[in-house]
Amino acid sequence: MKRALVAAFALLSLAAAPAQAPDEETDFWGGVRQVIQHHLGRPYVWGASGLKSFDCSGFVWRVMFDNGVLLKRTTARKLYVSLRPVAKDERWSFGNIVFFDNLKHCGIVDGPSTFYHAQTSRGTTLSEFDPFWRPHIFGFRALKR
C-alpha cells in the first residue's frame, strides 16, 4: 500500500511539473546528438531499424525512439505525413527531418550544409547537402516530442 501511494504521488508530481524546462531542452538535443553518433557507421539494410543496421527511416525512427519520441515505425512517406511542417527560416536547424526524392529517402539535419542518414552505399553517415542531395530535397518536418 505504501509503495502504491508513493508511486501515485510521484505521478501527480510529474503531471504538475512544467512541460519542459530550458535545460531539459538542451539535454534532449544533446541526447539526439549522442544517439546519432552512437549509430554512425552501421551498415544499410532495407527495412532495418537498428541496433546493428538501418534503412533511412529506421535510422530516423531509432534516434527518435532512443530519445523518448514514440512513433510507429514506418516509411519515409508516412513519417513525412505524421510530423509537423517546419517554418522556412527554421528548416536548416539541427534535428529537423529532411526528405528527398518524392519521399523515398530521409535524414536528420545537422545544419545548413550537412545531414545524417542511412545511405545504401555507405550506411549511417554524415553527408553534405551539396552537390548531389540539395536538388533532391522534397521538404522538411520537425522532430516532434
N, C-alpha and C. Protein backbone atom coordinates (compact mmCIF):
# COMPACT_ATOMS: atom_id res chain seq x y z
N MET A 1 0.83 -1.19 0.00
CA MET A 1 0.00 0.00 0.00
C MET A 1 0.88 1.26 0.00
N LYS A 2 1.93 1.24 0.83
CA LYS A 2 2.80 2.40 0.93
C LYS A 2 3.49 2.68 -0.41
N ARG A 3 3.95 1.61 -1.10
CA ARG A 3 4.58 1.78 -2.42
C ARG A 3 3.61 2.37 -3.42
N ALA A 4 2.36 1.93 -3.37
CA ALA A 4 1.34 2.44 -4.29
C ALA A 4 1.12 3.93 -4.06
N LEU A 5 1.09 4.36 -2.81
CA LEU A 5 0.91 5.78 -2.50
C LEU A 5 2.10 6.61 -2.99
N VAL A 6 3.30 6.09 -2.77
CA VAL A 6 4.50 6.79 -3.22
C VAL A 6 4.49 6.91 -4.74
N ALA A 7 4.14 5.84 -5.42
CA ALA A 7 4.08 5.86 -6.89
C ALA A 7 3.02 6.84 -7.38
N ALA A 8 1.86 6.85 -6.74
CA ALA A 8 0.79 7.78 -7.12
C ALA A 8 1.23 9.22 -6.91
N PHE A 9 1.90 9.48 -5.79
CA PHE A 9 2.39 10.83 -5.51
C PHE A 9 3.43 11.26 -6.55
N ALA A 10 4.28 10.35 -6.93
CA ALA A 10 5.30 10.66 -7.94
C ALA A 10 4.65 11.00 -9.28
N LEU A 11 3.61 10.25 -9.67
CA LEU A 11 2.91 10.54 -10.91
C LEU A 11 2.22 11.89 -10.86
N LEU A 12 1.60 12.21 -9.73
CA LEU A 12 0.95 13.51 -9.57
C LEU A 12 1.98 14.64 -9.65
N SER A 13 3.14 14.44 -9.07
CA SER A 13 4.20 15.45 -9.11
C SER A 13 4.66 15.69 -10.54
N LEU A 14 4.78 14.61 -11.32
CA LEU A 14 5.19 14.74 -12.71
C LEU A 14 4.14 15.46 -13.53
N ALA A 15 2.88 15.15 -13.27
CA ALA A 15 1.79 15.77 -14.01
C ALA A 15 1.73 17.27 -13.74
N ALA A 16 2.08 17.70 -12.52
CA ALA A 16 2.02 19.10 -12.15
C ALA A 16 3.26 19.87 -12.61
N ALA A 17 4.30 19.18 -12.98
CA ALA A 17 5.54 19.84 -13.39
C ALA A 17 5.37 20.53 -14.73
N PRO A 18 6.13 21.61 -14.98
CA PRO A 18 6.05 22.27 -16.29
C PRO A 18 6.50 21.32 -17.39
N ALA A 19 6.00 21.54 -18.58
CA ALA A 19 6.25 20.62 -19.70
C ALA A 19 7.73 20.42 -19.99
N GLN A 20 8.49 21.49 -20.10
CA GLN A 20 9.89 21.34 -20.48
C GLN A 20 10.68 22.56 -20.01
N ALA A 21 11.61 22.35 -19.12
CA ALA A 21 12.48 23.44 -18.67
C ALA A 21 13.56 23.65 -19.72
N PRO A 22 14.15 24.86 -19.80
CA PRO A 22 15.17 25.13 -20.82
C PRO A 22 16.34 24.15 -20.79
N ASP A 23 16.81 23.76 -19.61
CA ASP A 23 17.93 22.82 -19.57
C ASP A 23 17.51 21.43 -20.01
N GLU A 24 16.24 21.07 -19.85
CA GLU A 24 15.75 19.80 -20.37
C GLU A 24 15.78 19.81 -21.89
N GLU A 25 15.47 20.96 -22.48
CA GLU A 25 15.52 21.11 -23.93
C GLU A 25 16.94 20.86 -24.43
N THR A 26 17.92 21.45 -23.78
CA THR A 26 19.33 21.25 -24.13
C THR A 26 19.71 19.79 -23.96
N ASP A 27 19.27 19.18 -22.87
CA ASP A 27 19.56 17.76 -22.64
C ASP A 27 18.96 16.88 -23.73
N PHE A 28 17.74 17.24 -24.18
CA PHE A 28 17.08 16.45 -25.24
C PHE A 28 17.92 16.47 -26.51
N TRP A 29 18.30 17.67 -26.98
CA TRP A 29 19.07 17.76 -28.22
C TRP A 29 20.46 17.18 -28.07
N GLY A 30 21.04 17.26 -26.89
CA GLY A 30 22.31 16.58 -26.63
C GLY A 30 22.15 15.08 -26.74
N GLY A 31 21.03 14.57 -26.24
CA GLY A 31 20.73 13.14 -26.35
C GLY A 31 20.55 12.71 -27.80
N VAL A 32 19.90 13.56 -28.60
CA VAL A 32 19.73 13.26 -30.02
C VAL A 32 21.10 13.15 -30.68
N ARG A 33 21.97 14.11 -30.42
CA ARG A 33 23.34 14.07 -30.99
C ARG A 33 24.09 12.81 -30.55
N GLN A 34 23.95 12.47 -29.28
CA GLN A 34 24.65 11.30 -28.75
C GLN A 34 24.18 10.01 -29.43
N VAL A 35 22.88 9.86 -29.60
CA VAL A 35 22.36 8.66 -30.25
C VAL A 35 22.81 8.59 -31.70
N ILE A 36 22.77 9.72 -32.40
CA ILE A 36 23.23 9.74 -33.79
C ILE A 36 24.68 9.28 -33.85
N GLN A 37 25.54 9.86 -33.02
CA GLN A 37 26.95 9.49 -33.03
C GLN A 37 27.16 8.01 -32.73
N HIS A 38 26.36 7.49 -31.81
CA HIS A 38 26.47 6.07 -31.43
C HIS A 38 26.18 5.14 -32.61
N HIS A 39 25.25 5.55 -33.47
CA HIS A 39 24.82 4.67 -34.56
C HIS A 39 25.51 4.95 -35.90
N LEU A 40 26.41 5.92 -35.96
CA LEU A 40 27.11 6.19 -37.21
C LEU A 40 28.02 5.01 -37.58
N GLY A 41 28.13 4.76 -38.87
CA GLY A 41 28.99 3.69 -39.36
C GLY A 41 28.32 2.33 -39.45
N ARG A 42 27.05 2.24 -39.09
CA ARG A 42 26.32 0.96 -39.18
C ARG A 42 25.90 0.72 -40.63
N PRO A 43 25.86 -0.53 -41.07
CA PRO A 43 25.52 -0.81 -42.46
C PRO A 43 24.05 -0.54 -42.78
N TYR A 44 23.80 -0.28 -44.06
CA TYR A 44 22.44 -0.11 -44.55
C TYR A 44 21.83 -1.48 -44.81
N VAL A 45 20.63 -1.68 -44.29
CA VAL A 45 19.84 -2.88 -44.59
C VAL A 45 18.39 -2.42 -44.74
N TRP A 46 17.80 -2.68 -45.91
CA TRP A 46 16.43 -2.26 -46.17
C TRP A 46 15.49 -2.82 -45.11
N GLY A 47 14.66 -1.94 -44.53
CA GLY A 47 13.67 -2.34 -43.53
C GLY A 47 14.20 -2.43 -42.11
N ALA A 48 15.49 -2.18 -41.89
CA ALA A 48 16.08 -2.33 -40.56
C ALA A 48 15.99 -1.03 -39.75
N SER A 49 15.78 -1.19 -38.44
CA SER A 49 15.72 -0.02 -37.55
C SER A 49 16.65 -0.18 -36.36
N GLY A 50 17.76 -0.85 -36.56
CA GLY A 50 18.80 -0.98 -35.53
C GLY A 50 18.71 -2.32 -34.85
N LEU A 51 19.55 -2.53 -34.01
CA LEU A 51 20.63 -1.74 -33.49
C LEU A 51 21.92 -1.90 -34.28
N LYS A 52 21.99 -2.92 -35.12
CA LYS A 52 23.22 -3.16 -35.88
C LYS A 52 23.18 -2.64 -37.30
N SER A 53 21.99 -2.39 -37.85
CA SER A 53 21.86 -1.90 -39.22
C SER A 53 20.57 -1.09 -39.34
N PHE A 54 20.51 -0.26 -40.40
CA PHE A 54 19.40 0.67 -40.56
C PHE A 54 19.08 0.89 -42.03
N ASP A 55 17.81 1.24 -42.30
CA ASP A 55 17.49 1.92 -43.54
C ASP A 55 17.24 3.38 -43.16
N CYS A 56 16.91 4.24 -44.10
CA CYS A 56 16.84 5.67 -43.79
C CYS A 56 15.78 6.00 -42.74
N SER A 57 14.56 5.53 -42.93
CA SER A 57 13.51 5.84 -41.96
C SER A 57 13.72 5.10 -40.65
N GLY A 58 14.35 3.94 -40.71
CA GLY A 58 14.67 3.20 -39.48
C GLY A 58 15.70 3.93 -38.64
N PHE A 59 16.64 4.59 -39.28
CA PHE A 59 17.63 5.39 -38.57
C PHE A 59 16.97 6.58 -37.87
N VAL A 60 16.12 7.30 -38.61
CA VAL A 60 15.40 8.44 -38.01
C VAL A 60 14.52 7.95 -36.87
N TRP A 61 13.80 6.87 -37.09
CA TRP A 61 12.92 6.32 -36.04
C TRP A 61 13.73 5.94 -34.80
N ARG A 62 14.87 5.28 -34.98
CA ARG A 62 15.69 4.84 -33.85
C ARG A 62 16.18 6.03 -33.04
N VAL A 63 16.64 7.08 -33.70
CA VAL A 63 17.11 8.27 -33.00
C VAL A 63 15.97 8.87 -32.18
N MET A 64 14.79 8.94 -32.77
CA MET A 64 13.62 9.47 -32.05
C MET A 64 13.26 8.56 -30.88
N PHE A 65 13.16 7.28 -31.14
CA PHE A 65 12.77 6.31 -30.12
C PHE A 65 13.73 6.32 -28.93
N ASP A 66 15.02 6.33 -29.22
CA ASP A 66 16.03 6.32 -28.15
C ASP A 66 16.03 7.61 -27.33
N ASN A 67 15.31 8.63 -27.81
CA ASN A 67 15.19 9.88 -27.07
C ASN A 67 13.77 10.13 -26.57
N GLY A 68 12.99 9.05 -26.50
CA GLY A 68 11.66 9.13 -25.90
C GLY A 68 10.56 9.65 -26.81
N VAL A 69 10.82 9.78 -28.10
CA VAL A 69 9.80 10.20 -29.05
C VAL A 69 9.21 8.93 -29.65
N LEU A 70 7.99 8.63 -29.28
CA LEU A 70 7.39 7.36 -29.66
C LEU A 70 6.47 7.52 -30.86
N LEU A 71 6.90 7.00 -31.98
CA LEU A 71 6.11 6.94 -33.20
C LEU A 71 6.11 5.51 -33.71
N LYS A 72 5.09 5.17 -34.47
CA LYS A 72 5.07 3.86 -35.10
C LYS A 72 6.20 3.80 -36.14
N ARG A 73 6.91 2.70 -36.18
CA ARG A 73 7.97 2.52 -37.18
C ARG A 73 7.31 2.46 -38.55
N THR A 74 7.75 3.32 -39.44
CA THR A 74 7.08 3.45 -40.72
C THR A 74 8.05 3.86 -41.82
N THR A 75 7.53 4.12 -43.00
CA THR A 75 8.33 4.54 -44.14
C THR A 75 8.59 6.05 -44.10
N ALA A 76 9.49 6.52 -44.94
CA ALA A 76 9.77 7.95 -45.03
C ALA A 76 8.50 8.72 -45.41
N ARG A 77 7.72 8.19 -46.32
CA ARG A 77 6.49 8.86 -46.77
C ARG A 77 5.52 9.04 -45.61
N LYS A 78 5.29 8.01 -44.85
CA LYS A 78 4.35 8.10 -43.72
C LYS A 78 4.93 8.95 -42.59
N LEU A 79 6.23 8.93 -42.43
CA LEU A 79 6.88 9.77 -41.42
C LEU A 79 6.67 11.25 -41.77
N TYR A 80 6.78 11.58 -43.04
CA TYR A 80 6.57 12.95 -43.50
C TYR A 80 5.16 13.44 -43.14
N VAL A 81 4.18 12.60 -43.37
CA VAL A 81 2.79 12.95 -43.10
C VAL A 81 2.53 13.10 -41.60
N SER A 82 3.22 12.34 -40.78
CA SER A 82 2.94 12.33 -39.34
C SER A 82 3.64 13.45 -38.56
N LEU A 83 4.61 14.11 -39.15
CA LEU A 83 5.36 15.17 -38.46
C LEU A 83 4.87 16.55 -38.89
N ARG A 84 5.07 17.54 -38.02
CA ARG A 84 4.59 18.89 -38.32
C ARG A 84 5.56 19.61 -39.27
N PRO A 85 5.01 20.50 -40.10
CA PRO A 85 5.85 21.27 -41.02
C PRO A 85 6.82 22.18 -40.26
N VAL A 86 7.87 22.58 -40.94
CA VAL A 86 8.89 23.46 -40.39
C VAL A 86 8.80 24.81 -41.11
N ALA A 87 8.89 25.90 -40.36
CA ALA A 87 8.93 27.23 -40.97
C ALA A 87 10.14 27.33 -41.89
N LYS A 88 9.99 28.05 -42.98
CA LYS A 88 11.06 28.14 -43.98
C LYS A 88 12.39 28.60 -43.38
N ASP A 89 12.34 29.54 -42.43
CA ASP A 89 13.57 30.06 -41.83
C ASP A 89 14.18 29.12 -40.80
N GLU A 90 13.49 28.03 -40.46
CA GLU A 90 14.00 27.08 -39.46
C GLU A 90 14.37 25.72 -40.06
N ARG A 91 14.21 25.55 -41.35
CA ARG A 91 14.37 24.21 -41.92
C ARG A 91 15.78 23.65 -41.81
N TRP A 92 16.81 24.49 -41.69
CA TRP A 92 18.20 24.01 -41.60
C TRP A 92 18.64 23.80 -40.16
N SER A 93 17.73 23.86 -39.20
CA SER A 93 18.07 23.69 -37.78
C SER A 93 18.32 22.23 -37.44
N PHE A 94 19.30 22.01 -36.56
CA PHE A 94 19.63 20.65 -36.14
C PHE A 94 18.38 19.93 -35.63
N GLY A 95 18.24 18.68 -36.04
CA GLY A 95 17.16 17.83 -35.56
C GLY A 95 15.95 17.77 -36.45
N ASN A 96 15.82 18.71 -37.39
CA ASN A 96 14.71 18.61 -38.34
C ASN A 96 14.93 17.41 -39.24
N ILE A 97 13.85 16.88 -39.76
CA ILE A 97 13.93 15.74 -40.66
C ILE A 97 13.82 16.28 -42.09
N VAL A 98 14.76 15.90 -42.93
CA VAL A 98 14.76 16.31 -44.33
C VAL A 98 14.37 15.10 -45.18
N PHE A 99 13.53 15.36 -46.19
CA PHE A 99 13.02 14.30 -47.06
C PHE A 99 13.46 14.58 -48.49
N PHE A 100 13.75 13.48 -49.21
CA PHE A 100 14.28 13.58 -50.56
C PHE A 100 13.47 12.73 -51.53
N ASP A 101 13.69 12.99 -52.82
CA ASP A 101 13.23 12.14 -53.91
C ASP A 101 11.78 11.68 -53.76
N ASN A 102 10.88 12.65 -53.72
CA ASN A 102 9.45 12.34 -53.64
C ASN A 102 9.13 11.41 -52.47
N LEU A 103 9.76 11.69 -51.33
CA LEU A 103 9.53 10.98 -50.06
C LEU A 103 10.03 9.54 -50.06
N LYS A 104 11.09 9.28 -50.80
CA LYS A 104 11.67 7.93 -50.81
C LYS A 104 12.89 7.82 -49.91
N HIS A 105 13.36 8.95 -49.35
CA HIS A 105 14.55 8.94 -48.51
C HIS A 105 14.43 10.06 -47.48
N CYS A 106 15.05 9.87 -46.31
CA CYS A 106 15.01 10.91 -45.28
C CYS A 106 16.27 10.86 -44.43
N GLY A 107 16.50 11.95 -43.70
CA GLY A 107 17.65 12.06 -42.82
C GLY A 107 17.40 13.13 -41.78
N ILE A 108 18.40 13.37 -40.93
CA ILE A 108 18.29 14.34 -39.85
C ILE A 108 19.26 15.49 -40.13
N VAL A 109 18.72 16.70 -40.17
CA VAL A 109 19.53 17.89 -40.45
C VAL A 109 20.54 18.10 -39.34
N ASP A 110 21.79 18.31 -39.73
CA ASP A 110 22.85 18.68 -38.79
C ASP A 110 23.02 20.20 -38.79
N GLY A 111 22.83 20.81 -39.92
CA GLY A 111 22.96 22.25 -40.09
C GLY A 111 22.75 22.58 -41.55
N PRO A 112 23.04 23.80 -41.97
CA PRO A 112 22.78 24.22 -43.35
C PRO A 112 23.55 23.44 -44.41
N SER A 113 24.62 22.79 -44.04
CA SER A 113 25.43 22.12 -45.07
C SER A 113 25.49 20.60 -44.94
N THR A 114 25.03 20.01 -43.83
CA THR A 114 25.15 18.56 -43.66
C THR A 114 23.91 17.95 -43.01
N PHE A 115 23.79 16.63 -43.20
CA PHE A 115 22.69 15.87 -42.59
C PHE A 115 23.15 14.43 -42.37
N TYR A 116 22.49 13.78 -41.41
CA TYR A 116 22.76 12.37 -41.09
C TYR A 116 21.69 11.51 -41.74
N HIS A 117 22.11 10.35 -42.24
CA HIS A 117 21.13 9.44 -42.84
C HIS A 117 21.76 8.06 -43.02
N ALA A 118 20.91 7.12 -43.40
CA ALA A 118 21.39 5.78 -43.73
C ALA A 118 21.38 5.67 -45.26
N GLN A 119 22.55 5.63 -45.83
CA GLN A 119 22.72 5.62 -47.27
C GLN A 119 23.04 4.20 -47.73
N THR A 120 22.44 3.76 -48.82
CA THR A 120 22.61 2.37 -49.26
C THR A 120 24.07 2.01 -49.45
N SER A 121 24.87 2.92 -50.00
CA SER A 121 26.27 2.59 -50.29
C SER A 121 27.22 2.82 -49.12
N ARG A 122 26.82 3.60 -48.11
CA ARG A 122 27.75 3.96 -47.03
C ARG A 122 27.24 3.64 -45.63
N GLY A 123 25.99 3.23 -45.49
CA GLY A 123 25.42 3.00 -44.17
C GLY A 123 25.08 4.32 -43.49
N THR A 124 25.04 4.33 -42.18
CA THR A 124 24.69 5.54 -41.44
C THR A 124 25.90 6.47 -41.46
N THR A 125 25.66 7.70 -41.95
CA THR A 125 26.77 8.60 -42.22
C THR A 125 26.33 10.06 -42.17
N LEU A 126 27.29 10.95 -42.17
CA LEU A 126 27.06 12.38 -42.30
C LEU A 126 27.39 12.74 -43.74
N SER A 127 26.45 13.38 -44.44
CA SER A 127 26.65 13.77 -45.84
C SER A 127 26.45 15.26 -46.00
N GLU A 128 27.05 15.80 -47.05
CA GLU A 128 26.84 17.20 -47.40
C GLU A 128 25.61 17.30 -48.29
N PHE A 129 24.86 18.38 -48.12
CA PHE A 129 23.70 18.60 -48.99
C PHE A 129 24.12 18.83 -50.44
N ASP A 130 25.22 19.51 -50.63
CA ASP A 130 25.69 19.79 -51.99
C ASP A 130 26.79 18.82 -52.36
N PRO A 131 27.00 18.51 -53.59
CA PRO A 131 26.26 18.93 -54.77
C PRO A 131 25.10 18.00 -55.11
N PHE A 132 25.13 16.77 -54.62
CA PHE A 132 24.12 15.79 -55.04
C PHE A 132 22.77 15.97 -54.36
N TRP A 133 22.75 16.10 -53.06
CA TRP A 133 21.49 15.97 -52.31
C TRP A 133 20.58 17.19 -52.38
N ARG A 134 21.10 18.39 -52.35
CA ARG A 134 20.25 19.60 -52.28
C ARG A 134 19.18 19.65 -53.38
N PRO A 135 19.51 19.35 -54.63
CA PRO A 135 18.46 19.40 -55.67
C PRO A 135 17.36 18.33 -55.49
N HIS A 136 17.62 17.33 -54.66
CA HIS A 136 16.66 16.25 -54.48
C HIS A 136 15.76 16.45 -53.25
N ILE A 137 15.92 17.57 -52.53
CA ILE A 137 15.11 17.80 -51.32
C ILE A 137 13.65 17.96 -51.69
N PHE A 138 12.80 17.24 -50.97
CA PHE A 138 11.36 17.33 -51.14
C PHE A 138 10.76 18.28 -50.11
N GLY A 139 11.25 18.19 -48.86
CA GLY A 139 10.72 19.06 -47.81
C GLY A 139 11.32 18.74 -46.46
N PHE A 140 10.86 19.45 -45.44
CA PHE A 140 11.37 19.32 -44.08
C PHE A 140 10.20 19.15 -43.12
N ARG A 141 10.45 18.43 -42.06
CA ARG A 141 9.49 18.28 -40.98
C ARG A 141 10.24 18.40 -39.65
N ALA A 142 9.50 18.80 -38.61
CA ALA A 142 10.10 18.97 -37.28
C ALA A 142 10.02 17.67 -36.51
N LEU A 143 11.08 17.38 -35.80
CA LEU A 143 11.11 16.25 -34.89
C LEU A 143 10.15 16.57 -33.76
N LYS A 144 9.09 15.80 -33.64
CA LYS A 144 8.14 16.13 -32.57
C LYS A 144 8.45 15.38 -31.31
N ARG A 145 8.15 16.01 -30.19
CA ARG A 145 8.45 15.44 -28.90
C ARG A 145 7.19 15.33 -28.09
